[in-house]
Amino acid sequence: MVKKLLGAVILTVFAQGAGATDLFNGRDFSGWELQTTPAAAIADLFRVLPDGVIASAGKPSGFLATQENYRNYKLHVEWRWTGKPGNGGVLLHISPGQFDRVWPVSLQVQTKFGNAGDLLPMAAAGFAEPLTSAPGAETRIKAHTAADSEKPAGEWNACDIVSRDGVVEVTLNGVLQNRVSHVSPASGRIGFQLEGTPYELRRVELTPLE
């Protein structure tokens, strides 16, 4: 029995640590799609810097999303504000459906300065846990649960997101900040918001957990 349990642990650790893929190829934006209002071209809003960092103009409002769908995975993302900090987010499980303004059906991991780690069900998305925002508020929020762990403006933040069978956990700079279950939709595309503030991304790495 001990050998079986040890073997299971080893397999789990191996599955979680193997096969990480950078979602940006370091050269261009093949495999990504942009949707903004008003419409714009990716090349006008995003640049690949010589060191592989992705620089975003932050506007107009919209999002950059993968063409592929993902379900069970670990996503590692690093971001920083290059000037005055502002608003942004990582969108999980982007799916077809009626938009909420310019935002698709998705689960937003908030990167807004001062609120990093909050979770927002966008459009028709949802999860089981109660919201912390006021009843009927236009923006629905489940606030992060630990003390703020984001870095000062200009420094790199590291966010690790684990999505498995409808459960999503968010860790920011090594601190578990949020967890929700029965997430709907439980799979979809992955994206990054543009909400008016320039920012940079690096090490956008996805590890399948299936």
Protein backbone atom coordinates (compact mmCIF):
# COMPACT_ATOMS: atom_id res chain seq x y z
CA MET A 1 0.00 0.00 0.00
CA VAL A 2 2.81 2.41 0.89
CA LYS A 3 4.51 1.71 -2.43
CA LYS A 4 1.25 2.33 -4.29
CA LEU A 5 0.69 5.64 -2.48
CA LEU A 6 4.28 6.72 -3.07
CA GLY A 7 3.95 5.85 -6.74
CA ALA A 8 0.77 7.87 -7.02
CA VAL A 9 2.44 10.89 -5.41
CA ILE A 10 5.43 10.62 -7.76
CA LEU A 11 3.14 10.39 -10.80
CA THR A 12 1.12 13.40 -9.63
CA VAL A 13 4.22 15.51 -9.07
CA PHE A 14 5.61 14.45 -12.45
CA ALA A 15 2.34 15.25 -14.23
CA GLN A 16 2.21 18.68 -12.62
CA GLY A 17 5.82 19.54 -13.36
CA ALA A 18 6.29 18.18 -16.89
CA GLY A 19 5.37 19.61 -20.26
CA ALA A 20 5.30 23.35 -19.56
CA THR A 21 4.79 25.35 -22.77
CA ASP A 22 5.26 29.08 -23.30
CA LEU A 23 2.01 30.36 -24.82
CA PHE A 24 3.95 33.10 -26.64
CA ASN A 25 6.54 31.85 -29.11
CA GLY A 26 8.90 34.80 -28.54
CA ARG A 27 8.67 35.96 -32.17
CA ASP A 28 5.11 36.92 -33.06
CA PHE A 29 1.47 36.40 -32.06
CA SER A 30 0.70 33.24 -33.99
CA GLY A 31 -2.06 31.34 -32.19
CA TRP A 32 -3.57 34.50 -30.66
CA GLU A 33 -6.59 36.62 -31.57
CA LEU A 34 -7.41 40.20 -30.60
CA GLN A 35 -10.88 41.63 -30.01
CA THR A 36 -11.19 45.31 -29.10
CA THR A 37 -13.66 48.18 -29.35
CA PRO A 38 -12.92 49.93 -31.66
CA ALA A 39 -11.29 47.13 -33.66
CA ALA A 40 -7.49 47.18 -33.86
CA ALA A 41 -4.63 45.02 -35.11
CA ILE A 42 -2.45 43.00 -32.73
CA ALA A 43 0.69 44.63 -34.16
CA ASP A 44 -0.61 48.06 -33.15
CA LEU A 45 -1.22 47.11 -29.52
CA PHE A 46 1.32 44.40 -28.67
CA ARG A 47 5.06 44.08 -29.27
CA VAL A 48 7.56 41.29 -28.65
CA LEU A 49 10.64 42.88 -27.11
CA PRO A 50 14.15 41.49 -27.76
CA ASP A 51 14.20 39.62 -24.44
CA GLY A 52 10.87 37.90 -25.19
CA VAL A 53 8.82 40.23 -22.97
CA ILE A 54 5.38 41.11 -24.35
CA ALA A 55 4.58 44.84 -24.18
CA SER A 56 0.92 45.90 -24.29
CA ALA A 57 -0.36 49.38 -25.07
CA GLY A 58 -3.31 48.66 -22.77
CA LYS A 59 -5.98 50.18 -25.01
CA PRO A 60 -8.48 50.30 -26.62
CA SER A 61 -10.60 48.12 -24.36
CA GLY A 62 -10.71 44.46 -25.22
CA PHE A 63 -8.65 41.30 -24.88
CA LEU A 64 -5.98 39.16 -26.52
CA ALA A 65 -6.85 35.45 -26.43
CA THR A 66 -5.42 32.08 -27.43
CA GLN A 67 -7.05 30.26 -30.31
CA GLU A 68 -6.79 27.00 -28.36
CA ASN A 69 -9.07 25.89 -25.52
CA TYR A 70 -7.75 24.54 -22.21
CA ARG A 71 -9.35 22.72 -19.27
CA ASN A 72 -7.04 21.23 -16.62
CA TYR A 73 -3.76 23.10 -16.34
CA LYS A 74 -1.36 25.18 -14.32
CA LEU A 75 -0.79 28.64 -15.76
CA HIS A 76 2.20 30.74 -14.71
CA VAL A 77 2.06 34.44 -15.63
CA GLU A 78 4.37 37.31 -14.74
CA TRP A 79 3.36 40.93 -15.27
CA ARG A 80 4.42 44.43 -14.30
CA TRP A 81 3.21 47.98 -14.77
CA THR A 82 5.66 49.99 -16.84
CA GLY A 83 4.31 53.38 -15.80
CA LYS A 84 1.49 54.48 -13.52
CA PRO A 85 -0.23 51.25 -12.36
CA GLY A 86 -3.80 50.63 -13.39
CA ASN A 87 -6.30 47.96 -14.39
CA GLY A 88 -6.01 44.62 -16.17
CA GLY A 89 -6.71 40.94 -15.80
CA VAL A 90 -6.13 37.38 -16.94
CA LEU A 91 -9.20 35.81 -18.52
CA LEU A 92 -9.78 32.08 -18.08
CA HIS A 93 -12.19 29.81 -19.95
CA ILE A 94 -13.22 32.37 -22.55
CA SER A 95 -16.31 30.88 -24.20
CA PRO A 96 -19.03 31.78 -26.73
CA GLY A 97 -21.99 33.71 -25.40
CA GLN A 98 -23.36 37.20 -24.88
CA PHE A 99 -20.70 39.73 -23.89
CA ASP A 100 -20.78 41.98 -20.81
CA ARG A 101 -19.85 45.24 -22.52
CA VAL A 102 -16.53 44.32 -24.20
CA TRP A 103 -15.90 41.29 -21.95
CA PRO A 104 -16.63 37.70 -23.00
CA VAL A 105 -18.00 34.85 -20.92
CA SER A 106 -14.95 34.07 -18.76
CA LEU A 107 -13.45 34.03 -15.27
CA GLN A 108 -11.23 37.05 -14.66
CA VAL A 109 -8.20 36.86 -12.39
CA GLN A 110 -7.84 40.50 -11.44
CA THR A 111 -4.44 42.17 -11.85
CA LYS A 112 -5.77 45.66 -11.09
CA PHE A 113 -3.30 47.45 -8.85
CA GLY A 114 -4.47 47.10 -5.24
CA ASN A 115 -6.90 44.29 -6.09
CA ALA A 116 -4.68 41.59 -7.59
CA GLY A 117 -6.03 38.13 -6.89
CA ASP A 118 -9.73 39.06 -6.92
CA LEU A 119 -11.94 36.81 -9.06
CA LEU A 120 -14.69 38.15 -11.31
CA PRO A 121 -17.27 36.01 -13.16
CA MET A 122 -17.67 37.85 -16.47
CA ALA A 123 -20.92 37.89 -18.45
CA ALA A 124 -22.70 34.52 -17.92
CA ALA A 125 -19.78 32.85 -16.08
CA GLY A 126 -20.18 31.77 -12.46
CA PHE A 127 -18.90 29.75 -9.52
CA ALA A 128 -20.28 28.29 -6.29
CA GLU A 129 -18.75 30.62 -3.69
CA PRO A 130 -20.54 33.81 -2.60
CA LEU A 131 -19.47 37.17 -3.95
CA THR A 132 -18.03 39.88 -1.72
CA SER A 133 -19.34 42.73 -3.88
CA ALA A 134 -22.64 44.37 -2.96
CA PRO A 135 -25.80 42.58 -4.14
CA GLY A 136 -26.77 43.82 -7.59
CA ALA A 137 -23.44 45.55 -8.22
CA GLU A 138 -22.58 45.87 -11.92
CA THR A 139 -19.13 44.38 -11.33
CA ARG A 140 -19.34 41.03 -9.52
CA ILE A 141 -16.29 40.29 -7.36
CA LYS A 142 -14.99 37.65 -4.98
CA ALA A 143 -12.16 39.51 -3.27
CA HIS A 144 -8.83 37.87 -2.55
CA THR A 145 -8.69 36.24 0.87
CA ALA A 146 -5.14 36.89 2.13
CA ALA A 147 -3.28 40.12 2.79
CA ASP A 148 -2.14 41.93 -0.37
CA SER A 149 0.88 40.18 -1.86
CA GLU A 150 1.44 42.11 -5.09
CA LYS A 151 4.75 43.88 -5.71
CA PRO A 152 5.24 47.65 -5.97
CA ALA A 153 4.59 49.20 -9.36
CA GLY A 154 7.44 48.51 -11.77
CA GLU A 155 8.38 45.16 -10.21
CA TRP A 156 7.44 41.78 -11.68
CA ASN A 157 4.50 39.91 -10.14
CA ALA A 158 4.29 36.12 -10.44
CA CYS A 159 0.83 34.55 -10.57
CA ASP A 160 0.19 30.80 -10.57
CA ILE A 161 -3.29 29.63 -11.52
CA VAL A 162 -4.40 26.02 -11.21
CA SER A 163 -7.58 24.95 -13.01
CA ARG A 164 -8.80 21.40 -12.50
CA ASP A 165 -12.31 20.08 -13.18
CA GLY A 166 -14.05 23.35 -12.34
CA VAL A 167 -11.86 24.32 -9.37
CA VAL A 168 -9.60 27.35 -9.79
CA GLU A 169 -6.91 28.43 -7.32
CA VAL A 170 -4.89 31.64 -7.61
CA THR A 171 -1.51 32.18 -5.95
CA LEU A 172 0.18 35.57 -6.20
CA ASN A 173 3.88 35.90 -5.39
CA GLY A 174 3.74 32.68 -3.39
CA VAL A 175 0.58 33.54 -1.42
CA LEU A 176 -2.70 31.66 -2.03
CA GLN A 177 -5.18 34.47 -2.65
CA ASN A 178 -8.36 32.87 -3.96
CA ARG A 179 -10.16 29.62 -4.67
CA VAL A 180 -13.50 28.89 -6.34
CA SER A 181 -15.30 25.69 -7.28
CA HIS A 182 -17.95 24.59 -9.78
CA VAL A 183 -16.63 27.19 -12.19
CA SER A 184 -18.78 27.54 -15.29
CA PRO A 185 -17.56 27.33 -17.96
CA ALA A 186 -14.86 24.90 -16.80
CA SER A 187 -12.76 25.21 -19.95
CA GLY A 188 -12.05 27.64 -22.76
CA ARG A 189 -9.50 30.04 -24.14
CA ILE A 190 -7.00 32.06 -22.09
CA GLY A 191 -6.58 35.79 -22.54
CA PHE A 192 -5.31 39.13 -21.27
CA GLN A 193 -7.40 42.26 -20.87
CA LEU A 194 -6.72 45.74 -22.13
CA GLU A 195 -8.28 48.23 -19.73
CA GLY A 196 -6.45 51.46 -20.47
CA THR A 197 -3.05 50.92 -18.83
CA PRO A 198 0.18 49.76 -20.53
CA TYR A 199 1.83 46.67 -19.00
CA GLU A 200 4.34 43.94 -19.78
CA LEU A 201 4.11 40.14 -19.65
CA ARG A 202 6.72 37.43 -19.49
CA ARG A 203 6.95 33.69 -18.78
CA VAL A 204 3.36 32.90 -19.77
CA GLU A 205 3.70 29.15 -19.31
CA LEU A 206 1.01 26.48 -19.34
CA THR A 207 1.41 22.95 -17.95
CA PRO A 208 -1.37 20.45 -18.75
CA LEU A 209 -2.63 18.53 -15.71
CA GLU A 210 -4.47 15.75 -17.58
